[in-house]
Every structure is written in C-alpha cells, then in structure tokens.
N, C-alpha and C. Protein backbone atom coordinates (compact mmCIF):
# COMPACT_ATOMS: atom_id res chain seq x y z
N MET A 1 0.83 -1.20 0.00
CA MET A 1 0.00 0.00 0.00
C MET A 1 0.87 1.26 0.00
N PHE A 2 1.99 1.18 0.71
CA PHE A 2 2.92 2.32 0.72
C PHE A 2 3.41 2.59 -0.70
N ALA A 3 3.84 1.55 -1.40
CA ALA A 3 4.34 1.70 -2.77
C ALA A 3 3.24 2.21 -3.70
N LEU A 4 2.02 1.71 -3.51
CA LEU A 4 0.90 2.12 -4.36
C LEU A 4 0.61 3.61 -4.22
N PHE A 5 0.46 4.09 -2.97
CA PHE A 5 0.13 5.50 -2.77
C PHE A 5 1.30 6.40 -3.16
N ASN A 6 2.51 5.94 -2.94
CA ASN A 6 3.68 6.71 -3.35
C ASN A 6 3.69 6.88 -4.87
N ALA A 7 3.38 5.79 -5.59
CA ALA A 7 3.33 5.86 -7.06
C ALA A 7 2.23 6.79 -7.54
N ILE A 8 1.07 6.75 -6.87
CA ILE A 8 -0.06 7.63 -7.24
C ILE A 8 0.31 9.10 -7.06
N ILE A 9 0.97 9.41 -5.93
CA ILE A 9 1.35 10.80 -5.65
C ILE A 9 2.37 11.29 -6.68
N CYS A 10 3.38 10.44 -6.97
CA CYS A 10 4.41 10.83 -7.95
C CYS A 10 3.78 11.05 -9.33
N LEU A 11 2.90 10.15 -9.75
CA LEU A 11 2.25 10.28 -11.05
C LEU A 11 1.38 11.53 -11.11
N THR A 12 0.70 11.83 -10.00
CA THR A 12 -0.15 13.02 -9.94
C THR A 12 0.67 14.29 -10.10
N LEU A 13 1.82 14.35 -9.41
CA LEU A 13 2.69 15.53 -9.51
C LEU A 13 3.18 15.73 -10.95
N VAL A 14 3.55 14.61 -11.59
CA VAL A 14 4.04 14.69 -12.98
C VAL A 14 2.92 15.16 -13.91
N LEU A 15 1.71 14.62 -13.76
CA LEU A 15 0.60 14.97 -14.64
C LEU A 15 0.18 16.43 -14.45
N ILE A 16 0.17 16.88 -13.20
CA ILE A 16 -0.20 18.28 -12.93
C ILE A 16 0.81 19.23 -13.59
N THR A 17 2.11 18.90 -13.40
CA THR A 17 3.15 19.75 -13.98
C THR A 17 3.06 19.75 -15.51
N ALA A 18 2.88 18.56 -16.09
CA ALA A 18 2.77 18.46 -17.55
C ALA A 18 1.55 19.20 -18.06
N GLY A 19 0.44 19.12 -17.33
CA GLY A 19 -0.79 19.81 -17.73
C GLY A 19 -0.61 21.31 -17.73
N ILE A 20 0.07 21.84 -16.71
CA ILE A 20 0.28 23.29 -16.63
C ILE A 20 1.18 23.76 -17.77
N VAL A 21 2.27 22.99 -18.00
CA VAL A 21 3.22 23.38 -19.05
C VAL A 21 2.54 23.35 -20.42
N VAL A 22 1.79 22.30 -20.72
CA VAL A 22 1.12 22.18 -22.02
C VAL A 22 0.02 23.24 -22.17
N GLY A 23 -0.71 23.45 -21.06
CA GLY A 23 -1.84 24.38 -21.13
C GLY A 23 -1.43 25.83 -21.23
N THR A 24 -0.34 26.20 -20.57
CA THR A 24 0.08 27.60 -20.54
C THR A 24 1.31 27.89 -21.38
N GLY A 25 2.08 26.84 -21.67
CA GLY A 25 3.33 27.04 -22.40
C GLY A 25 4.39 27.70 -21.57
N ASN A 26 4.15 27.83 -20.27
CA ASN A 26 5.10 28.46 -19.36
C ASN A 26 6.11 27.44 -18.86
N MET A 27 7.36 27.53 -19.27
CA MET A 27 8.37 26.58 -18.87
C MET A 27 8.81 26.75 -17.42
N THR A 28 8.46 27.90 -16.83
CA THR A 28 8.77 28.11 -15.41
C THR A 28 8.03 27.09 -14.55
N ALA A 29 6.83 26.70 -14.99
CA ALA A 29 6.06 25.70 -14.26
C ALA A 29 6.78 24.36 -14.22
N LEU A 30 7.54 24.08 -15.29
CA LEU A 30 8.30 22.83 -15.32
C LEU A 30 9.36 22.82 -14.24
N ILE A 31 10.04 23.95 -14.05
CA ILE A 31 11.05 24.04 -13.00
C ILE A 31 10.41 23.93 -11.62
N GLY A 32 9.26 24.64 -11.45
CA GLY A 32 8.55 24.57 -10.17
C GLY A 32 8.09 23.16 -9.85
N GLY A 33 7.55 22.48 -10.88
CA GLY A 33 7.11 21.10 -10.67
C GLY A 33 8.27 20.18 -10.31
N TYR A 34 9.41 20.40 -10.96
CA TYR A 34 10.59 19.59 -10.66
C TYR A 34 11.04 19.79 -9.22
N ILE A 35 10.99 21.05 -8.75
CA ILE A 35 11.40 21.34 -7.36
C ILE A 35 10.46 20.65 -6.37
N VAL A 36 9.14 20.73 -6.65
CA VAL A 36 8.16 20.06 -5.76
C VAL A 36 8.40 18.56 -5.75
N TYR A 37 8.63 18.00 -6.93
CA TYR A 37 8.87 16.55 -7.05
C TYR A 37 10.13 16.16 -6.30
N LEU A 38 11.18 16.98 -6.41
CA LEU A 38 12.44 16.71 -5.72
C LEU A 38 12.26 16.77 -4.20
N CYS A 39 11.54 17.77 -3.72
CA CYS A 39 11.28 17.90 -2.27
C CYS A 39 10.51 16.69 -1.75
N TYR A 40 9.51 16.26 -2.52
CA TYR A 40 8.74 15.08 -2.12
C TYR A 40 9.64 13.85 -2.07
N GLY A 41 10.51 13.71 -3.09
CA GLY A 41 11.43 12.57 -3.13
C GLY A 41 12.36 12.54 -1.93
N LEU A 42 12.87 13.70 -1.53
CA LEU A 42 13.75 13.77 -0.36
C LEU A 42 12.98 13.44 0.93
N ALA A 43 11.73 13.92 1.02
CA ALA A 43 10.93 13.66 2.22
C ALA A 43 10.58 12.19 2.37
N ILE A 44 10.39 11.50 1.24
CA ILE A 44 9.93 10.11 1.28
C ILE A 44 11.10 9.12 1.24
N PHE A 45 12.34 9.62 1.09
CA PHE A 45 13.48 8.71 0.91
C PHE A 45 13.69 7.79 2.12
N ILE A 46 13.77 8.36 3.32
CA ILE A 46 14.03 7.54 4.52
C ILE A 46 12.87 6.58 4.80
N PRO A 47 11.59 7.04 4.80
CA PRO A 47 10.49 6.08 4.97
C PRO A 47 10.48 5.00 3.89
N GLY A 48 10.78 5.39 2.64
CA GLY A 48 10.80 4.41 1.56
C GLY A 48 11.90 3.38 1.75
N LEU A 49 13.06 3.83 2.21
CA LEU A 49 14.16 2.91 2.49
C LEU A 49 13.79 1.95 3.61
N ALA A 50 13.13 2.47 4.66
CA ALA A 50 12.72 1.63 5.79
C ALA A 50 11.72 0.56 5.35
N VAL A 51 10.77 0.95 4.51
CA VAL A 51 9.79 -0.01 4.01
C VAL A 51 10.47 -1.08 3.13
N CYS A 52 11.43 -0.65 2.33
CA CYS A 52 12.15 -1.58 1.46
C CYS A 52 12.94 -2.61 2.28
N VAL A 53 13.61 -2.12 3.32
CA VAL A 53 14.38 -3.03 4.19
C VAL A 53 13.45 -4.00 4.91
N ARG A 54 12.33 -3.48 5.39
CA ARG A 54 11.36 -4.34 6.08
C ARG A 54 10.81 -5.42 5.12
N ARG A 55 10.58 -5.03 3.87
CA ARG A 55 10.09 -5.98 2.86
C ARG A 55 11.12 -7.08 2.61
N LEU A 56 12.40 -6.71 2.58
CA LEU A 56 13.46 -7.70 2.43
C LEU A 56 13.51 -8.63 3.63
N HIS A 57 13.32 -8.07 4.83
CA HIS A 57 13.28 -8.91 6.04
C HIS A 57 12.11 -9.89 5.99
N ASP A 58 10.99 -9.46 5.42
CA ASP A 58 9.81 -10.33 5.34
C ASP A 58 10.09 -11.58 4.52
N ILE A 59 10.98 -11.46 3.52
CA ILE A 59 11.27 -12.63 2.68
C ILE A 59 12.55 -13.34 3.13
N GLY A 60 13.05 -12.95 4.33
CA GLY A 60 14.20 -13.66 4.91
C GLY A 60 15.55 -13.19 4.42
N LYS A 61 15.62 -11.97 3.87
CA LYS A 61 16.89 -11.47 3.36
C LYS A 61 17.33 -10.23 4.14
N SER A 62 18.64 -10.02 4.21
CA SER A 62 19.18 -8.86 4.90
C SER A 62 18.84 -7.58 4.16
N GLY A 63 18.72 -6.49 4.91
CA GLY A 63 18.45 -5.20 4.31
C GLY A 63 19.58 -4.71 3.41
N TRP A 64 20.77 -5.28 3.57
CA TRP A 64 21.91 -4.90 2.72
C TRP A 64 21.68 -5.27 1.26
N PHE A 65 20.73 -6.17 1.00
CA PHE A 65 20.42 -6.52 -0.39
C PHE A 65 19.87 -5.31 -1.16
N TYR A 66 19.47 -4.26 -0.44
CA TYR A 66 19.00 -3.05 -1.11
C TYR A 66 20.04 -2.51 -2.07
N PHE A 67 21.32 -2.64 -1.68
CA PHE A 67 22.40 -2.06 -2.50
C PHE A 67 22.67 -2.85 -3.77
N ILE A 68 21.99 -3.97 -3.94
CA ILE A 68 22.11 -4.69 -5.21
C ILE A 68 21.54 -3.86 -6.35
N SER A 69 20.69 -2.89 -5.99
CA SER A 69 20.09 -2.01 -7.01
C SER A 69 21.13 -1.10 -7.67
N LEU A 70 22.32 -0.99 -7.06
CA LEU A 70 23.37 -0.14 -7.64
C LEU A 70 24.03 -0.79 -8.85
N ILE A 71 23.82 -2.10 -9.03
CA ILE A 71 24.34 -2.77 -10.22
C ILE A 71 23.53 -2.26 -11.43
N PRO A 72 24.19 -1.75 -12.43
CA PRO A 72 23.45 -1.17 -13.58
C PRO A 72 22.48 -2.18 -14.21
N LEU A 73 21.26 -1.72 -14.48
CA LEU A 73 20.21 -2.46 -15.18
C LEU A 73 19.75 -3.70 -14.41
N VAL A 74 20.62 -4.67 -14.26
CA VAL A 74 20.24 -5.96 -13.66
C VAL A 74 19.88 -5.80 -12.19
N GLY A 75 20.62 -4.97 -11.45
CA GLY A 75 20.40 -4.82 -10.00
C GLY A 75 18.99 -4.38 -9.66
N ALA A 76 18.49 -3.40 -10.37
CA ALA A 76 17.14 -2.90 -10.10
C ALA A 76 16.09 -3.97 -10.38
N ILE A 77 16.31 -4.77 -11.40
CA ILE A 77 15.36 -5.83 -11.74
C ILE A 77 15.36 -6.90 -10.65
N ILE A 78 16.55 -7.28 -10.19
CA ILE A 78 16.65 -8.30 -9.13
C ILE A 78 15.97 -7.81 -7.86
N LEU A 79 16.23 -6.55 -7.47
CA LEU A 79 15.60 -5.99 -6.27
C LEU A 79 14.08 -5.97 -6.43
N PHE A 80 13.59 -5.60 -7.60
CA PHE A 80 12.14 -5.56 -7.85
C PHE A 80 11.54 -6.95 -7.67
N VAL A 81 12.21 -7.98 -8.18
CA VAL A 81 11.73 -9.36 -8.03
C VAL A 81 11.69 -9.75 -6.56
N PHE A 82 12.74 -9.38 -5.80
CA PHE A 82 12.77 -9.67 -4.36
C PHE A 82 11.56 -9.02 -3.66
N LEU A 83 11.30 -7.76 -3.97
CA LEU A 83 10.25 -7.02 -3.28
C LEU A 83 8.86 -7.53 -3.61
N CYS A 84 8.73 -8.23 -4.74
CA CYS A 84 7.43 -8.75 -5.14
C CYS A 84 7.15 -10.15 -4.58
N GLN A 85 8.14 -10.75 -3.92
CA GLN A 85 7.95 -12.09 -3.38
C GLN A 85 7.05 -12.06 -2.15
N ASP A 86 6.38 -13.17 -1.90
CA ASP A 86 5.52 -13.30 -0.72
C ASP A 86 6.39 -13.41 0.53
N SER A 87 5.84 -13.03 1.66
CA SER A 87 6.57 -13.12 2.92
C SER A 87 6.94 -14.56 3.24
N GLN A 88 8.08 -14.72 3.92
CA GLN A 88 8.54 -16.04 4.32
C GLN A 88 7.56 -16.64 5.32
N ALA A 89 7.21 -17.90 5.14
CA ALA A 89 6.27 -18.56 6.04
C ALA A 89 6.86 -18.66 7.44
N GLY A 90 6.02 -18.39 8.46
CA GLY A 90 6.48 -18.46 9.83
C GLY A 90 7.36 -17.28 10.20
N ALA A 91 7.99 -17.38 11.34
CA ALA A 91 8.86 -16.30 11.82
C ALA A 91 10.29 -16.53 11.36
N ASN A 92 11.05 -15.44 11.24
CA ASN A 92 12.48 -15.55 11.01
C ASN A 92 13.20 -14.66 12.02
N LYS A 93 14.51 -14.49 11.85
CA LYS A 93 15.28 -13.78 12.88
C LYS A 93 14.96 -12.29 12.95
N TRP A 94 14.21 -11.77 11.96
CA TRP A 94 13.81 -10.37 12.00
C TRP A 94 12.39 -10.18 12.54
N GLY A 95 11.73 -11.27 12.89
CA GLY A 95 10.39 -11.15 13.47
C GLY A 95 9.39 -12.09 12.84
N ALA A 96 8.14 -11.93 13.25
CA ALA A 96 7.08 -12.80 12.78
C ALA A 96 6.59 -12.37 11.40
N ASN A 97 5.96 -13.30 10.71
CA ASN A 97 5.34 -13.01 9.41
C ASN A 97 4.20 -12.02 9.63
N PRO A 98 4.25 -10.82 9.00
CA PRO A 98 3.21 -9.81 9.25
C PRO A 98 1.81 -10.27 8.88
N LYS A 99 1.69 -11.10 7.84
CA LYS A 99 0.37 -11.61 7.46
C LYS A 99 -0.17 -12.52 8.55
N GLU A 100 0.70 -13.39 9.08
CA GLU A 100 0.26 -14.30 10.14
C GLU A 100 -0.11 -13.53 11.39
N GLU A 101 0.63 -12.42 11.68
CA GLU A 101 0.28 -11.61 12.85
C GLU A 101 -1.11 -11.02 12.71
N ARG A 102 -1.45 -10.53 11.49
CA ARG A 102 -2.78 -9.96 11.28
C ARG A 102 -3.86 -11.03 11.41
N GLN A 103 -3.58 -12.24 10.90
CA GLN A 103 -4.53 -13.34 11.02
C GLN A 103 -4.73 -13.72 12.48
N ASN A 104 -3.63 -13.69 13.24
CA ASN A 104 -3.73 -14.02 14.66
C ASN A 104 -4.58 -13.00 15.40
N LEU A 105 -4.44 -11.70 15.01
CA LEU A 105 -5.22 -10.66 15.67
C LEU A 105 -6.71 -10.82 15.39
N THR A 106 -7.06 -11.23 14.17
CA THR A 106 -8.47 -11.36 13.82
C THR A 106 -9.11 -12.60 14.44
N THR A 107 -8.28 -13.56 14.87
CA THR A 107 -8.83 -14.80 15.44
C THR A 107 -8.47 -14.97 16.91
N THR A 108 -8.07 -13.86 17.56
CA THR A 108 -7.63 -13.96 18.95
C THR A 108 -8.71 -14.52 19.85
N THR A 109 -9.93 -14.00 19.72
CA THR A 109 -11.01 -14.44 20.59
C THR A 109 -11.30 -15.93 20.40
N LYS A 110 -11.41 -16.35 19.13
CA LYS A 110 -11.69 -17.74 18.85
C LYS A 110 -10.57 -18.65 19.34
N THR A 111 -9.32 -18.24 19.09
CA THR A 111 -8.18 -19.06 19.50
C THR A 111 -8.12 -19.21 21.01
N THR A 112 -8.35 -18.09 21.71
CA THR A 112 -8.31 -18.14 23.17
C THR A 112 -9.38 -19.08 23.70
N THR A 113 -10.58 -19.01 23.12
CA THR A 113 -11.68 -19.85 23.59
C THR A 113 -11.41 -21.32 23.36
N ILE A 114 -10.88 -21.66 22.19
CA ILE A 114 -10.69 -23.07 21.84
C ILE A 114 -9.50 -23.67 22.55
N THR A 115 -8.38 -22.90 22.62
CA THR A 115 -7.13 -23.49 23.08
C THR A 115 -6.90 -23.39 24.58
N ALA A 116 -7.64 -22.51 25.27
CA ALA A 116 -7.37 -22.31 26.68
C ALA A 116 -7.35 -23.61 27.49
N PRO A 117 -8.35 -24.52 27.36
CA PRO A 117 -8.29 -25.76 28.13
C PRO A 117 -7.11 -26.63 27.76
N LEU A 118 -6.70 -26.60 26.46
CA LEU A 118 -5.61 -27.45 26.02
C LEU A 118 -4.25 -26.90 26.45
N LEU A 119 -4.17 -25.59 26.67
CA LEU A 119 -2.92 -24.98 27.13
C LEU A 119 -2.73 -25.10 28.63
N MET A 120 -3.78 -25.48 29.33
CA MET A 120 -3.81 -25.40 30.79
C MET A 120 -2.67 -26.17 31.44
N ASN A 121 -2.31 -27.34 30.89
CA ASN A 121 -1.33 -28.19 31.56
C ASN A 121 0.05 -28.14 30.92
N ALA A 122 0.21 -27.36 29.85
CA ALA A 122 1.50 -27.30 29.16
C ALA A 122 2.48 -26.42 29.94
N HIS A 123 3.68 -26.93 30.17
CA HIS A 123 4.69 -26.14 30.86
C HIS A 123 6.09 -26.63 30.50
N LEU A 124 7.07 -25.81 30.83
CA LEU A 124 8.47 -26.13 30.58
C LEU A 124 9.22 -26.15 31.91
N GLN A 125 10.01 -27.18 32.10
CA GLN A 125 10.90 -27.23 33.25
C GLN A 125 12.26 -26.74 32.76
N CYS A 126 12.72 -25.60 33.23
CA CYS A 126 13.87 -24.92 32.67
C CYS A 126 15.09 -25.05 33.58
N ARG A 127 16.26 -25.24 32.95
CA ARG A 127 17.51 -25.27 33.69
C ARG A 127 18.49 -24.33 32.99
N VAL A 128 18.80 -23.22 33.65
CA VAL A 128 19.73 -22.22 33.13
C VAL A 128 20.90 -22.14 34.10
N GLY A 129 22.00 -22.79 33.78
CA GLY A 129 23.11 -22.88 34.71
C GLY A 129 22.70 -23.69 35.93
N TYR A 130 22.78 -23.07 37.10
CA TYR A 130 22.35 -23.73 38.34
C TYR A 130 20.93 -23.36 38.74
N ASP A 131 20.29 -22.55 37.89
CA ASP A 131 18.94 -22.09 38.20
C ASP A 131 17.90 -23.00 37.55
N ASN A 132 16.96 -23.51 38.34
CA ASN A 132 15.88 -24.36 37.84
C ASN A 132 14.54 -23.72 38.16
N PHE A 133 13.66 -23.68 37.17
CA PHE A 133 12.34 -23.10 37.42
C PHE A 133 11.36 -23.66 36.39
N THR A 134 10.07 -23.44 36.66
CA THR A 134 9.00 -23.92 35.78
C THR A 134 8.33 -22.74 35.11
N TYR A 135 8.12 -22.86 33.80
CA TYR A 135 7.42 -21.83 33.04
C TYR A 135 6.15 -22.43 32.48
N LYS A 136 5.01 -21.85 32.83
CA LYS A 136 3.72 -22.33 32.36
C LYS A 136 3.37 -21.67 31.03
N ILE A 137 3.04 -22.48 30.01
CA ILE A 137 2.68 -21.97 28.69
C ILE A 137 1.20 -21.58 28.70
N VAL A 138 0.93 -20.29 28.49
CA VAL A 138 -0.45 -19.80 28.57
C VAL A 138 -0.90 -19.12 27.29
N LYS A 139 -0.02 -19.07 26.27
CA LYS A 139 -0.34 -18.38 25.02
C LYS A 139 -0.20 -19.34 23.85
N PRO A 140 -0.96 -19.13 22.77
CA PRO A 140 -0.80 -19.97 21.58
C PRO A 140 0.58 -19.83 20.94
N ARG A 141 1.24 -18.69 21.14
CA ARG A 141 2.60 -18.49 20.64
C ARG A 141 3.47 -17.97 21.79
N THR A 142 4.54 -18.68 22.07
CA THR A 142 5.44 -18.32 23.17
C THR A 142 6.84 -18.13 22.61
N THR A 143 7.35 -16.89 22.64
CA THR A 143 8.70 -16.63 22.15
C THR A 143 9.71 -16.83 23.27
N ILE A 144 10.87 -17.35 22.90
CA ILE A 144 11.93 -17.66 23.87
C ILE A 144 13.22 -17.04 23.38
N GLY A 145 13.92 -16.36 24.27
CA GLY A 145 15.20 -15.77 23.89
C GLY A 145 15.82 -14.97 25.01
N ARG A 146 16.93 -14.31 24.68
CA ARG A 146 17.68 -13.56 25.70
C ARG A 146 17.13 -12.15 25.89
N GLU A 147 16.43 -11.59 24.88
CA GLU A 147 15.91 -10.24 25.00
C GLU A 147 14.75 -10.17 25.99
N TYR A 148 14.62 -9.04 26.63
CA TYR A 148 13.61 -8.87 27.69
C TYR A 148 12.19 -8.96 27.17
N ASN A 149 11.96 -8.67 25.87
CA ASN A 149 10.59 -8.64 25.36
C ASN A 149 10.08 -10.00 24.90
N ASN A 150 10.83 -11.08 25.12
CA ASN A 150 10.34 -12.42 24.86
C ASN A 150 9.39 -12.86 25.99
N ASP A 151 8.53 -13.82 25.68
CA ASP A 151 7.65 -14.35 26.72
C ASP A 151 8.45 -15.08 27.80
N LEU A 152 9.39 -15.91 27.34
CA LEU A 152 10.28 -16.63 28.26
C LEU A 152 11.69 -16.10 28.04
N VAL A 153 12.22 -15.38 29.03
CA VAL A 153 13.55 -14.79 28.92
C VAL A 153 14.57 -15.72 29.57
N LEU A 154 15.58 -16.12 28.78
CA LEU A 154 16.64 -16.99 29.26
C LEU A 154 17.96 -16.23 29.19
N ASN A 155 18.44 -15.79 30.33
CA ASN A 155 19.64 -14.96 30.38
C ASN A 155 20.88 -15.84 30.35
N HIS A 156 21.28 -16.24 29.13
CA HIS A 156 22.46 -17.09 28.96
C HIS A 156 23.12 -16.73 27.65
N ASP A 157 24.46 -16.70 27.63
CA ASP A 157 25.20 -16.26 26.45
C ASP A 157 24.96 -17.14 25.23
N THR A 158 24.64 -18.41 25.43
CA THR A 158 24.45 -19.33 24.29
C THR A 158 23.05 -19.26 23.71
N VAL A 159 22.18 -18.45 24.33
CA VAL A 159 20.81 -18.26 23.84
C VAL A 159 20.77 -16.99 23.00
N SER A 160 20.20 -17.06 21.81
CA SER A 160 20.09 -15.89 20.94
C SER A 160 19.04 -14.92 21.46
N ARG A 161 19.08 -13.70 20.95
CA ARG A 161 18.12 -12.68 21.40
C ARG A 161 16.68 -13.12 21.17
N ARG A 162 16.40 -13.67 19.99
CA ARG A 162 15.11 -14.32 19.70
C ARG A 162 15.46 -15.72 19.18
N HIS A 163 15.45 -16.68 20.07
CA HIS A 163 16.00 -17.99 19.76
C HIS A 163 14.97 -18.93 19.13
N ALA A 164 13.81 -19.04 19.76
CA ALA A 164 12.83 -20.01 19.29
C ALA A 164 11.42 -19.57 19.66
N GLU A 165 10.46 -20.30 19.13
CA GLU A 165 9.05 -20.01 19.39
C GLU A 165 8.30 -21.33 19.53
N ILE A 166 7.51 -21.45 20.57
CA ILE A 166 6.66 -22.63 20.75
C ILE A 166 5.24 -22.23 20.33
N VAL A 167 4.69 -23.00 19.39
CA VAL A 167 3.39 -22.65 18.78
C VAL A 167 2.41 -23.78 19.03
N PHE A 168 1.19 -23.38 19.46
CA PHE A 168 0.11 -24.35 19.60
C PHE A 168 -0.60 -24.47 18.26
N THR A 169 -0.67 -25.66 17.69
CA THR A 169 -1.20 -25.87 16.33
C THR A 169 -2.67 -26.25 16.31
N GLY A 170 -3.29 -26.41 17.47
CA GLY A 170 -4.68 -26.82 17.53
C GLY A 170 -4.85 -28.19 18.16
N ASN A 171 -3.87 -29.06 17.91
CA ASN A 171 -3.93 -30.40 18.54
C ASN A 171 -2.58 -30.80 19.11
N GLY A 172 -1.70 -29.83 19.30
CA GLY A 172 -0.39 -30.12 19.87
C GLY A 172 0.50 -28.90 19.79
N PHE A 173 1.78 -29.11 20.13
CA PHE A 173 2.73 -28.01 20.16
C PHE A 173 3.90 -28.30 19.22
N GLU A 174 4.45 -27.23 18.63
CA GLU A 174 5.65 -27.33 17.82
C GLU A 174 6.63 -26.25 18.28
N ILE A 175 7.91 -26.55 18.13
CA ILE A 175 8.94 -25.54 18.41
C ILE A 175 9.60 -25.16 17.09
N ILE A 176 9.84 -23.86 16.90
CA ILE A 176 10.38 -23.32 15.65
C ILE A 176 11.66 -22.55 15.97
N ASP A 177 12.72 -22.86 15.24
CA ASP A 177 13.98 -22.11 15.36
C ASP A 177 13.83 -20.78 14.63
N LEU A 178 14.11 -19.67 15.31
CA LEU A 178 13.97 -18.34 14.72
C LEU A 178 15.30 -17.84 14.16
N GLY A 179 16.07 -18.74 13.57
CA GLY A 179 17.36 -18.35 13.00
C GLY A 179 18.42 -18.14 14.05
N SER A 180 18.42 -18.95 15.11
CA SER A 180 19.35 -18.79 16.22
C SER A 180 20.77 -19.19 15.83
N SER A 181 21.74 -18.71 16.61
CA SER A 181 23.14 -19.05 16.35
C SER A 181 23.46 -20.48 16.73
N ASN A 182 22.94 -20.93 17.87
CA ASN A 182 23.28 -22.27 18.38
C ASN A 182 22.18 -23.30 18.12
N ARG A 183 21.18 -22.93 17.34
CA ARG A 183 20.15 -23.83 16.85
C ARG A 183 19.28 -24.38 17.99
N VAL A 184 18.31 -25.20 17.59
CA VAL A 184 17.35 -25.80 18.52
C VAL A 184 17.46 -27.32 18.40
N SER A 185 17.59 -27.98 19.52
CA SER A 185 17.62 -29.45 19.50
C SER A 185 16.44 -29.99 20.30
N VAL A 186 15.93 -31.13 19.86
CA VAL A 186 14.91 -31.86 20.60
C VAL A 186 15.41 -33.29 20.75
N ASN A 187 15.61 -33.69 22.02
CA ASN A 187 16.18 -35.02 22.31
C ASN A 187 17.50 -35.22 21.57
N ARG A 188 18.35 -34.17 21.59
CA ARG A 188 19.71 -34.19 21.04
C ARG A 188 19.78 -34.19 19.51
N GLN A 189 18.66 -33.97 18.84
CA GLN A 189 18.64 -33.86 17.39
C GLN A 189 18.25 -32.43 17.00
N PHE A 190 19.01 -31.84 16.08
CA PHE A 190 18.74 -30.46 15.68
C PHE A 190 17.57 -30.40 14.69
N TYR A 191 16.72 -29.39 14.91
CA TYR A 191 15.55 -29.20 14.05
C TYR A 191 15.35 -27.71 13.79
N GLU A 192 14.79 -27.39 12.62
CA GLU A 192 14.28 -26.04 12.38
C GLU A 192 12.83 -25.93 12.87
N ARG A 193 12.13 -27.04 12.81
CA ARG A 193 10.75 -27.09 13.31
C ARG A 193 10.47 -28.53 13.73
N ALA A 194 9.94 -28.72 14.92
CA ALA A 194 9.70 -30.08 15.41
C ALA A 194 8.45 -30.10 16.27
N ARG A 195 7.72 -31.20 16.18
CA ARG A 195 6.54 -31.41 17.02
C ARG A 195 7.00 -31.89 18.39
N LEU A 196 6.40 -31.34 19.43
CA LEU A 196 6.81 -31.67 20.80
C LEU A 196 5.89 -32.71 21.40
N LYS A 197 6.51 -33.65 22.11
CA LYS A 197 5.76 -34.68 22.83
C LYS A 197 6.07 -34.55 24.31
N ASN A 198 5.20 -35.09 25.11
CA ASN A 198 5.37 -35.03 26.56
C ASN A 198 6.71 -35.65 26.96
N GLY A 199 7.50 -34.89 27.70
CA GLY A 199 8.78 -35.38 28.18
C GLY A 199 9.95 -35.06 27.28
N ASP A 200 9.74 -34.40 26.13
CA ASP A 200 10.84 -34.06 25.23
C ASP A 200 11.80 -33.08 25.90
N ILE A 201 13.09 -33.26 25.60
CA ILE A 201 14.12 -32.38 26.12
C ILE A 201 14.56 -31.43 25.00
N ILE A 202 14.38 -30.14 25.24
CA ILE A 202 14.72 -29.10 24.27
C ILE A 202 16.04 -28.47 24.67
N GLY A 203 16.93 -28.33 23.70
CA GLY A 203 18.20 -27.67 23.94
C GLY A 203 18.29 -26.37 23.18
N LEU A 204 18.53 -25.27 23.89
CA LEU A 204 18.76 -23.95 23.28
C LEU A 204 20.16 -23.52 23.72
N GLY A 205 21.15 -23.78 22.87
CA GLY A 205 22.53 -23.58 23.32
C GLY A 205 22.82 -24.54 24.46
N GLN A 206 23.28 -24.00 25.59
CA GLN A 206 23.56 -24.81 26.77
C GLN A 206 22.40 -24.84 27.76
N VAL A 207 21.29 -24.23 27.38
CA VAL A 207 20.11 -24.21 28.26
C VAL A 207 19.20 -25.39 27.90
N MET A 208 18.74 -26.11 28.91
CA MET A 208 17.90 -27.28 28.69
C MET A 208 16.49 -27.01 29.21
N LEU A 209 15.49 -27.38 28.41
CA LEU A 209 14.09 -27.24 28.76
C LEU A 209 13.40 -28.59 28.59
N ALA A 210 12.64 -28.99 29.58
CA ALA A 210 11.85 -30.23 29.46
C ALA A 210 10.40 -29.82 29.25
N PHE A 211 9.80 -30.35 28.16
CA PHE A 211 8.43 -30.01 27.81
C PHE A 211 7.47 -31.05 28.37
N TYR A 212 6.43 -30.59 29.07
CA TYR A 212 5.41 -31.47 29.62
C TYR A 212 4.02 -30.93 29.26
N ASN A 213 3.14 -31.84 28.90
CA ASN A 213 1.75 -31.47 28.62
C ASN A 213 0.87 -32.64 29.01
N MET A 214 0.53 -32.68 30.27
CA MET A 214 -0.23 -33.84 30.82
C MET A 214 -1.61 -33.39 31.26
C-alpha cells in the first residue's frame, strides 16, 4: 500500500506539472514542478528505504540486499523481483510473518476460547546454569530468547536474542527455530521445526528445557 500510494502521488505531480506546461506554455512551471517533485522525493526517501528493508526482512533477506540495485540495469530488476515475493512462512530472525500476525489478531477471541483448556497443563521445566524453574505456557505463541521482550527470557550467552518459538497448532505443540546461532535441538537432534511430545528435552545452546503437557 505504501508503494501504491507513493506511485499515485508521484504520477499526480508529474501529470499536474505536464498539464500546466502544455496548457500555458510556461516553462517556469516545469522548474517549479521539478522542485516540488524533488522535495517530495527527499521527504519520502528515509520512509521508503525503511519499508524496502522491512520488505526484504519479510522474505528472509538482509536489508543490505537493497544495495544490489546499484548494479546497472540488472540490479534494479533483481531488487524488484525480491520485493514482489511473498513473505517467508512463519517467523524468522527479523520477526514474525506480518500476514500471520494480522490473522492471529483477527482470530484472537476464537483461538483463546478453543485453546485455553488445552494450554492449561502445558509447561516447561527450565535449567539455566544452576537455576531451575517452571514456566507455564499460557499463550498460543510463546517466544523464547535472551531479550527482555520475549515471553520466556533466558539470560544465557548461548541463547540468541530471539532464539525459538513454541506454537500451539490446535492439537499439539511445535517448536520453531527463529534463526538462532546455536540452533534448537529436541532429544539431542537439531531441528528447524519439530513437534513436541510429553517429556521431550529441548536444547537452546547450553540451556535445557523439558516439555510437559499432561
């Protein structure tokens, strides 16, 4: 939508300027229109760059791919193809899929009603160094990592800032690796996504979590 409205505004400025020049024959209007267009371009540059980087993150690519557009002819085409791709399914290291977030918001009431009884007994037995504690899973999506804004915060150097996510699928739980440095293991096997069973041992770096749902 940002790209659409930006294109409409740019096209409108060009058409207005062209209409004035053709209608009046005054070339001064062309200079004035160019100045207005330039000012708009400068004002929209930073927001446009931010949207472009966010779009690249949505498809699982670094924002540095923006500079591929500097390659003559081919670079702009490659970047355009990247920006037209659908968002990466699930979450990645830059955050959750924005489409899935909107879907979750529209179904929050239904999800809470259906899953609340099934979430009631799900919990993690956590061991972080010498510290042992229990974390009760109360949400359909539970983020785990070292950053304070995760649902389950694990303060350990081997845990990434956003390490993993435990998702309730409707009839069970799955754990998803969010592009962590030390990966996610279940019962000593590494997975990008794995279904959890009662008693499974989850490894996040050197932190061990035991999953129970009885």
